[in-house]
Amino acid sequence: MSQPVSISVDVVSDVVCPWCFIGQKRLDKAIAEASEIDVHVNWRPFQLDPTIPREGKSRREYMLGKFGSEERIREIHARIEPLGAAEGIDFAFDAIKVAPNTLDAHRLIRWAGAMGEEVQNRLVRRLFQVNFEQGGNLGDHAVLIEAAREAGMDVSVVEALLPTDADVEDVQNEIATASRMGITGVPCFLIEGKYAVMGAQDAATLTDAIRQIAAAKAKGELEKAE
């Protein structure tokens, strides 16, 4: 029996982006569907709004400033909620009281990646759940530490690193790299580091992209396209 083709998927994402949560669920479905392919996922940072102060802002005030009215905010939420429900997400937008700066959450995701792909995947899923289904503040170090514990990370290391500037510059450089690549919105799925699928595409679209690129890789055609 031949070895399965191995494919990398870098997901450029922000943990306060509802479309990224939906995209994560759809990617899981795509990977399950394309079970004949060995898919490795790595989460890359993006900040929808890096200008939010480290202590965060009132989400209500932030959303009003961005969208102008309560009615417009309700319309946006009403559009997203059924799409989330179809993916098993119970969006609780009214429970979210703080619009956080996500830099520390991305540092945590980076450290989780150093501990292994599964740990990072568990952490990202937990952060999405805490923010969107429980209204947790992802700028709060206590919330991040508890998510790290639940994901199986070494909490003593996280507790020591979070109050410092460890990896702040590296995360910011990664975000800048994404911008230079032309990524202006998330999620963005980078397959084999070069083929981009933009937005929270349906699972079938992601499955098809993974299979097509895996087939090309198996034939040695990706190298020829360099």
C-alpha atoms as a PDB file:
ATOM      1  CA  MET A   1       0.000   0.000   0.000  1.00  0.00           C
ATOM      2  CA  SER A   2       1.411   3.393  -0.980  1.00  0.00           C
ATOM      3  CA  GLN A   3       1.939   6.098   1.585  1.00  0.00           C
ATOM      4  CA  PRO A   4      -0.761   8.808   1.680  1.00  0.00           C
ATOM      5  CA  VAL A   5       0.179  12.164   0.208  1.00  0.00           C
ATOM      6  CA  SER A   6       0.996  14.715   2.918  1.00  0.00           C
ATOM      7  CA  ILE A   7      -0.442  18.219   2.511  1.00  0.00           C
ATOM      8  CA  SER A   8       0.061  21.291   4.689  1.00  0.00           C
ATOM      9  CA  VAL A   9      -2.713  23.804   5.334  1.00  0.00           C
ATOM     10  CA  ASP A  10      -1.754  27.089   6.993  1.00  0.00           C
ATOM     11  CA  VAL A  11      -4.877  28.823   8.275  1.00  0.00           C
ATOM     12  CA  VAL A  12      -4.467  32.592   8.559  1.00  0.00           C
ATOM     13  CA  SER A  13      -7.077  33.500  11.136  1.00  0.00           C
ATOM     14  CA  ASP A  14      -8.159  35.713  14.018  1.00  0.00           C
ATOM     15  CA  VAL A  15      -9.881  34.169  17.036  1.00  0.00           C
ATOM     16  CA  VAL A  16     -12.475  36.986  17.182  1.00  0.00           C
ATOM     17  CA  CYS A  17     -13.546  36.450  13.571  1.00  0.00           C
ATOM     18  CA  PRO A  18     -16.837  34.494  13.420  1.00  0.00           C
ATOM     19  CA  TRP A  19     -16.123  33.475   9.825  1.00  0.00           C
ATOM     20  CA  CYS A  20     -12.845  31.933  11.010  1.00  0.00           C
ATOM     21  CA  PHE A  21     -14.773  29.793  13.523  1.00  0.00           C
ATOM     22  CA  ILE A  22     -17.109  28.687  10.735  1.00  0.00           C
ATOM     23  CA  GLY A  23     -14.079  28.102   8.504  1.00  0.00           C
ATOM     24  CA  GLN A  24     -12.451  25.910  11.173  1.00  0.00           C
ATOM     25  CA  LYS A  25     -15.536  23.709  11.337  1.00  0.00           C
ATOM     26  CA  ARG A  26     -15.705  23.420   7.557  1.00  0.00           C
ATOM     27  CA  LEU A  27     -12.006  22.596   7.320  1.00  0.00           C
ATOM     28  CA  ASP A  28     -12.522  19.783   9.841  1.00  0.00           C
ATOM     29  CA  LYS A  29     -15.268  18.380   7.609  1.00  0.00           C
ATOM     30  CA  ALA A  30     -13.071  18.694   4.519  1.00  0.00           C
ATOM     31  CA  ILE A  31     -10.188  16.872   6.190  1.00  0.00           C
ATOM     32  CA  ALA A  32     -12.532  14.082   7.311  1.00  0.00           C
ATOM     33  CA  GLU A  33     -13.923  13.801   3.777  1.00  0.00           C
ATOM     34  CA  ALA A  34     -10.442  13.671   2.214  1.00  0.00           C
ATOM     35  CA  SER A  35      -9.334  11.010   4.701  1.00  0.00           C
ATOM     36  CA  GLU A  36      -7.050   9.406   2.124  1.00  0.00           C
ATOM     37  CA  ILE A  37      -4.773  12.479   2.374  1.00  0.00           C
ATOM     38  CA  ASP A  38      -2.486  13.228   5.327  1.00  0.00           C
ATOM     39  CA  VAL A  39      -3.422  16.859   6.094  1.00  0.00           C
ATOM     40  CA  HIS A  40      -1.353  18.882   8.564  1.00  0.00           C
ATOM     41  CA  VAL A  41      -2.856  22.129   9.870  1.00  0.00           C
ATOM     42  CA  ASN A  42      -0.941  25.102  11.229  1.00  0.00           C
ATOM     43  CA  TRP A  43      -2.649  28.245  12.554  1.00  0.00           C
ATOM     44  CA  ARG A  44      -1.166  31.602  11.525  1.00  0.00           C
ATOM     45  CA  PRO A  45      -1.932  34.967  13.146  1.00  0.00           C
ATOM     46  CA  PHE A  46      -3.969  37.853  11.789  1.00  0.00           C
ATOM     47  CA  GLN A  47      -5.498  40.775  13.656  1.00  0.00           C
ATOM     48  CA  LEU A  48      -8.744  42.231  12.374  1.00  0.00           C
ATOM     49  CA  ASP A  49      -8.022  45.336  14.454  1.00  0.00           C
ATOM     50  CA  PRO A  50      -4.576  45.701  16.027  1.00  0.00           C
ATOM     51  CA  THR A  51      -5.490  49.222  17.213  1.00  0.00           C
ATOM     52  CA  ILE A  52      -7.672  47.889  20.033  1.00  0.00           C
ATOM     53  CA  PRO A  53      -5.802  48.594  23.290  1.00  0.00           C
ATOM     54  CA  ARG A  54      -4.294  45.640  25.142  1.00  0.00           C
ATOM     55  CA  GLU A  55      -6.964  45.959  27.848  1.00  0.00           C
ATOM     56  CA  GLY A  56      -9.721  45.753  25.218  1.00  0.00           C
ATOM     57  CA  LYS A  57     -12.811  47.881  24.590  1.00  0.00           C
ATOM     58  CA  SER A  58     -16.512  47.628  25.286  1.00  0.00           C
ATOM     59  CA  ARG A  59     -17.741  45.394  22.471  1.00  0.00           C
ATOM     60  CA  ARG A  60     -21.030  47.243  22.231  1.00  0.00           C
ATOM     61  CA  GLU A  61     -19.272  50.585  21.793  1.00  0.00           C
ATOM     62  CA  TYR A  62     -16.760  49.061  19.406  1.00  0.00           C
ATOM     63  CA  MET A  63     -19.444  47.489  17.215  1.00  0.00           C
ATOM     64  CA  LEU A  64     -21.520  50.677  17.205  1.00  0.00           C
ATOM     65  CA  GLY A  65     -18.447  52.635  16.131  1.00  0.00           C
ATOM     66  CA  LYS A  66     -17.821  50.151  13.344  1.00  0.00           C
ATOM     67  CA  PHE A  67     -21.356  49.515  12.055  1.00  0.00           C
ATOM     68  CA  GLY A  68     -23.283  52.587  13.164  1.00  0.00           C
ATOM     69  CA  SER A  69     -26.448  51.194  14.722  1.00  0.00           C
ATOM     70  CA  GLU A  70     -27.858  48.418  16.887  1.00  0.00           C
ATOM     71  CA  GLU A  71     -30.118  47.429  13.985  1.00  0.00           C
ATOM     72  CA  ARG A  72     -27.171  46.919  11.643  1.00  0.00           C
ATOM     73  CA  ILE A  73     -25.351  44.857  14.275  1.00  0.00           C
ATOM     74  CA  ARG A  74     -28.433  42.660  14.756  1.00  0.00           C
ATOM     75  CA  GLU A  75     -28.674  42.163  10.981  1.00  0.00           C
ATOM     76  CA  ILE A  76     -25.047  41.017  10.823  1.00  0.00           C
ATOM     77  CA  HIS A  77     -25.476  38.622  13.734  1.00  0.00           C
ATOM     78  CA  ALA A  78     -28.736  37.271  12.292  1.00  0.00           C
ATOM     79  CA  ARG A  79     -26.936  36.451   9.043  1.00  0.00           C
ATOM     80  CA  ILE A  80     -24.091  34.617  10.762  1.00  0.00           C
ATOM     81  CA  GLU A  81     -26.001  32.695  13.451  1.00  0.00           C
ATOM     82  CA  PRO A  82     -27.789  30.167  11.180  1.00  0.00           C
ATOM     83  CA  LEU A  83     -24.574  29.520   9.237  1.00  0.00           C
ATOM     84  CA  GLY A  84     -22.869  28.787  12.544  1.00  0.00           C
ATOM     85  CA  ALA A  85     -25.732  26.580  13.715  1.00  0.00           C
ATOM     86  CA  ALA A  86     -25.354  24.497  10.547  1.00  0.00           C
ATOM     87  CA  GLU A  87     -21.752  23.813  11.613  1.00  0.00           C
ATOM     88  CA  GLY A  88     -22.628  23.057  15.241  1.00  0.00           C
ATOM     89  CA  ILE A  89     -21.726  26.529  16.575  1.00  0.00           C
ATOM     90  CA  ASP A  90     -24.002  28.177  19.128  1.00  0.00           C
ATOM     91  CA  PHE A  91     -23.049  31.814  18.623  1.00  0.00           C
ATOM     92  CA  ALA A  92     -23.804  33.886  21.753  1.00  0.00           C
ATOM     93  CA  PHE A  93     -22.939  37.353  20.474  1.00  0.00           C
ATOM     94  CA  ASP A  94     -24.879  39.126  23.239  1.00  0.00           C
ATOM     95  CA  ALA A  95     -22.683  37.414  25.847  1.00  0.00           C
ATOM     96  CA  ILE A  96     -19.501  39.006  24.458  1.00  0.00           C
ATOM     97  CA  LYS A  97     -18.867  42.135  26.527  1.00  0.00           C
ATOM     98  CA  VAL A  98     -15.268  42.926  25.545  1.00  0.00           C
ATOM     99  CA  ALA A  99     -13.683  43.446  22.131  1.00  0.00           C
ATOM    100  CA  PRO A 100     -10.171  42.197  22.935  1.00  0.00           C
ATOM    101  CA  ASN A 101      -6.799  42.843  21.398  1.00  0.00           C
ATOM    102  CA  THR A 102      -5.889  39.344  20.195  1.00  0.00           C
ATOM    103  CA  LEU A 103      -2.099  39.665  20.189  1.00  0.00           C
ATOM    104  CA  ASP A 104      -1.671  37.626  23.389  1.00  0.00           C
ATOM    105  CA  ALA A 105      -4.069  34.956  22.109  1.00  0.00           C
ATOM    106  CA  HIS A 106      -1.910  34.635  18.985  1.00  0.00           C
ATOM    107  CA  ARG A 107       1.223  34.354  21.116  1.00  0.00           C
ATOM    108  CA  LEU A 108      -0.465  31.516  22.988  1.00  0.00           C
ATOM    109  CA  ILE A 109      -1.408  29.798  19.712  1.00  0.00           C
ATOM    110  CA  ARG A 110       2.216  30.095  18.598  1.00  0.00           C
ATOM    111  CA  TRP A 111       3.454  28.441  21.790  1.00  0.00           C
ATOM    112  CA  ALA A 112       0.865  25.699  21.416  1.00  0.00           C
ATOM    113  CA  GLY A 113       2.200  25.034  17.919  1.00  0.00           C
ATOM    114  CA  ALA A 114       5.655  24.469  19.387  1.00  0.00           C
ATOM    115  CA  MET A 115       4.096  21.711  21.517  1.00  0.00           C
ATOM    116  CA  GLY A 116       2.569  19.974  18.524  1.00  0.00           C
ATOM    117  CA  GLU A 117      -0.145  20.180  15.903  1.00  0.00           C
ATOM    118  CA  GLU A 118      -2.810  18.505  18.040  1.00  0.00           C
ATOM    119  CA  VAL A 119      -2.214  20.808  20.990  1.00  0.00           C
ATOM    120  CA  GLN A 120      -2.460  23.864  18.747  1.00  0.00           C
ATOM    121  CA  ASN A 121      -5.662  22.598  17.130  1.00  0.00           C
ATOM    122  CA  ARG A 122      -7.236  21.936  20.531  1.00  0.00           C
ATOM    123  CA  LEU A 123      -6.287  25.404  21.745  1.00  0.00           C
ATOM    124  CA  VAL A 124      -7.642  27.231  18.690  1.00  0.00           C
ATOM    125  CA  ARG A 125     -10.935  25.378  18.944  1.00  0.00           C
ATOM    126  CA  ARG A 126     -11.172  26.184  22.628  1.00  0.00           C
ATOM    127  CA  LEU A 127     -10.456  29.888  22.074  1.00  0.00           C
ATOM    128  CA  PHE A 128     -13.202  30.087  19.453  1.00  0.00           C
ATOM    129  CA  GLN A 129     -15.632  28.405  21.851  1.00  0.00           C
ATOM    130  CA  VAL A 130     -14.689  30.615  24.800  1.00  0.00           C
ATOM    131  CA  ASN A 131     -15.147  33.793  22.780  1.00  0.00           C
ATOM    132  CA  PHE A 132     -18.194  33.027  20.675  1.00  0.00           C
ATOM    133  CA  GLU A 133     -20.188  30.529  22.733  1.00  0.00           C
ATOM    134  CA  GLN A 134     -19.326  31.666  26.272  1.00  0.00           C
ATOM    135  CA  GLY A 135     -18.544  35.367  25.861  1.00  0.00           C
ATOM    136  CA  GLY A 136     -15.088  35.002  27.426  1.00  0.00           C
ATOM    137  CA  ASN A 137     -12.558  37.831  27.138  1.00  0.00           C
ATOM    138  CA  LEU A 138      -9.630  36.559  25.065  1.00  0.00           C
ATOM    139  CA  GLY A 139      -7.522  39.493  26.209  1.00  0.00           C
ATOM    140  CA  ASP A 140      -7.738  38.325  29.831  1.00  0.00           C
ATOM    141  CA  HIS A 141      -4.644  36.339  30.824  1.00  0.00           C
ATOM    142  CA  ALA A 142      -6.644  34.204  33.263  1.00  0.00           C
ATOM    143  CA  VAL A 143      -8.970  33.173  30.428  1.00  0.00           C
ATOM    144  CA  LEU A 144      -6.016  32.372  28.156  1.00  0.00           C
ATOM    145  CA  ILE A 145      -4.272  30.363  30.875  1.00  0.00           C
ATOM    146  CA  GLU A 146      -7.394  28.282  31.496  1.00  0.00           C
ATOM    147  CA  ALA A 147      -7.752  27.625  27.749  1.00  0.00           C
ATOM    148  CA  ALA A 148      -4.095  26.570  27.667  1.00  0.00           C
ATOM    149  CA  ARG A 149      -4.740  24.170  30.556  1.00  0.00           C
ATOM    150  CA  GLU A 150      -7.724  22.660  28.772  1.00  0.00           C
ATOM    151  CA  ALA A 151      -5.669  22.224  25.589  1.00  0.00           C
ATOM    152  CA  GLY A 152      -2.974  20.304  27.456  1.00  0.00           C
ATOM    153  CA  MET A 153      -0.270  22.974  27.470  1.00  0.00           C
ATOM    154  CA  ASP A 154       2.332  23.458  30.204  1.00  0.00           C
ATOM    155  CA  VAL A 155       0.509  26.120  32.215  1.00  0.00           C
ATOM    156  CA  SER A 156       3.561  27.118  34.263  1.00  0.00           C
ATOM    157  CA  VAL A 157       5.355  28.145  31.063  1.00  0.00           C
ATOM    158  CA  VAL A 158       2.312  30.081  29.833  1.00  0.00           C
ATOM    159  CA  GLU A 159       1.968  31.873  33.173  1.00  0.00           C
ATOM    160  CA  ALA A 160       5.626  32.883  33.025  1.00  0.00           C
ATOM    161  CA  LEU A 161       5.578  34.062  29.395  1.00  0.00           C
ATOM    162  CA  LEU A 162       2.270  35.905  29.076  1.00  0.00           C
ATOM    163  CA  PRO A 163       3.238  38.945  31.204  1.00  0.00           C
ATOM    164  CA  THR A 164       6.426  39.389  29.151  1.00  0.00           C
ATOM    165  CA  ASP A 165       6.975  40.523  25.543  1.00  0.00           C
ATOM    166  CA  ALA A 166       8.022  37.024  24.479  1.00  0.00           C
ATOM    167  CA  ASP A 167       7.281  36.452  20.783  1.00  0.00           C
ATOM    168  CA  VAL A 168       5.354  39.728  20.397  1.00  0.00           C
ATOM    169  CA  GLU A 169       7.672  40.816  17.584  1.00  0.00           C
ATOM    170  CA  ASP A 170       7.571  37.401  15.905  1.00  0.00           C
ATOM    171  CA  VAL A 171       3.767  37.356  15.870  1.00  0.00           C
ATOM    172  CA  GLN A 172       3.625  40.917  14.536  1.00  0.00           C
ATOM    173  CA  ASN A 173       6.124  39.975  11.823  1.00  0.00           C
ATOM    174  CA  GLU A 174       3.965  37.013  10.799  1.00  0.00           C
ATOM    175  CA  ILE A 175       0.935  39.291  10.550  1.00  0.00           C
ATOM    176  CA  ALA A 176       2.948  41.733   8.435  1.00  0.00           C
ATOM    177  CA  THR A 177       4.032  38.866   6.182  1.00  0.00           C
ATOM    178  CA  ALA A 178       0.398  37.908   5.607  1.00  0.00           C
ATOM    179  CA  SER A 179      -0.354  41.500   4.608  1.00  0.00           C
ATOM    180  CA  ARG A 180       2.573  41.519   2.168  1.00  0.00           C
ATOM    181  CA  MET A 181       1.176  38.335   0.633  1.00  0.00           C
ATOM    182  CA  GLY A 182      -2.023  40.245  -0.094  1.00  0.00           C
ATOM    183  CA  ILE A 183      -4.133  38.680   2.647  1.00  0.00           C
ATOM    184  CA  THR A 184      -6.569  41.391   3.733  1.00  0.00           C
ATOM    185  CA  GLY A 185      -9.339  39.222   5.150  1.00  0.00           C
ATOM    186  CA  VAL A 186      -9.670  35.949   7.005  1.00  0.00           C
ATOM    187  CA  PRO A 187      -9.903  33.052   7.069  1.00  0.00           C
ATOM    188  CA  CYS A 188      -7.371  32.306   4.365  1.00  0.00           C
ATOM    189  CA  PHE A 189      -6.326  28.706   3.784  1.00  0.00           C
ATOM    190  CA  LEU A 190      -2.822  28.416   2.332  1.00  0.00           C
ATOM    191  CA  ILE A 191      -2.358  24.928   0.928  1.00  0.00           C
ATOM    192  CA  GLU A 192       1.262  23.825   0.535  1.00  0.00           C
ATOM    193  CA  GLY A 193       2.281  27.401   1.302  1.00  0.00           C
ATOM    194  CA  LYS A 194       1.262  28.782  -2.075  1.00  0.00           C
ATOM    195  CA  TYR A 195      -2.321  27.982  -3.079  1.00  0.00           C
ATOM    196  CA  ALA A 196      -4.784  30.265  -1.295  1.00  0.00           C
ATOM    197  CA  VAL A 197      -8.453  29.568  -0.658  1.00  0.00           C
ATOM    198  CA  MET A 198      -9.977  32.801   0.614  1.00  0.00           C
ATOM    199  CA  GLY A 199     -12.917  33.049   2.986  1.00  0.00           C
ATOM    200  CA  ALA A 200     -15.027  30.512   4.888  1.00  0.00           C
ATOM    201  CA  GLN A 201     -15.664  28.361   1.838  1.00  0.00           C
ATOM    202  CA  ASP A 202     -17.955  25.366   2.178  1.00  0.00           C
ATOM    203  CA  ALA A 203     -16.439  22.017   3.094  1.00  0.00           C
ATOM    204  CA  ALA A 204     -16.852  20.639  -0.440  1.00  0.00           C
ATOM    205  CA  THR A 205     -14.773  23.486  -1.907  1.00  0.00           C
ATOM    206  CA  LEU A 206     -12.004  22.898   0.638  1.00  0.00           C
ATOM    207  CA  THR A 207     -12.103  19.150   0.063  1.00  0.00           C
ATOM    208  CA  ASP A 208     -11.797  19.659  -3.685  1.00  0.00           C
ATOM    209  CA  ALA A 209      -8.848  22.050  -3.267  1.00  0.00           C
ATOM    210  CA  ILE A 210      -7.044  19.640  -0.938  1.00  0.00           C
ATOM    211  CA  ARG A 211      -7.583  16.709  -3.309  1.00  0.00           C
ATOM    212  CA  GLN A 212      -6.522  18.627  -6.408  1.00  0.00           C
ATOM    213  CA  ILE A 213      -3.303  19.875  -4.822  1.00  0.00           C
ATOM    214  CA  ALA A 214      -2.560  16.457  -3.311  1.00  0.00           C
ATOM    215  CA  ALA A 215      -2.978  14.878  -6.762  1.00  0.00           C
ATOM    216  CA  ALA A 216      -0.657  17.443  -8.314  1.00  0.00           C
ATOM    217  CA  LYS A 217       1.891  16.880  -5.559  1.00  0.00           C
ATOM    218  CA  ALA A 218       1.761  13.115  -6.038  1.00  0.00           C
ATOM    219  CA  LYS A 219       2.566  13.623  -9.746  1.00  0.00           C
ATOM    220  CA  GLY A 220       5.420  16.009  -8.967  1.00  0.00           C
ATOM    221  CA  GLU A 221       3.591  18.868 -10.659  1.00  0.00           C
ATOM    222  CA  LEU A 222       3.857  21.331  -7.770  1.00  0.00           C
ATOM    223  CA  GLU A 223       7.624  21.483  -8.158  1.00  0.00           C
ATOM    224  CA  LYS A 224       7.268  22.089 -11.892  1.00  0.00           C
ATOM    225  CA  ALA A 225       4.998  25.057 -11.211  1.00  0.00           C
ATOM    226  CA  GLU A 226       7.687  26.865  -9.198  1.00  0.00           C
END
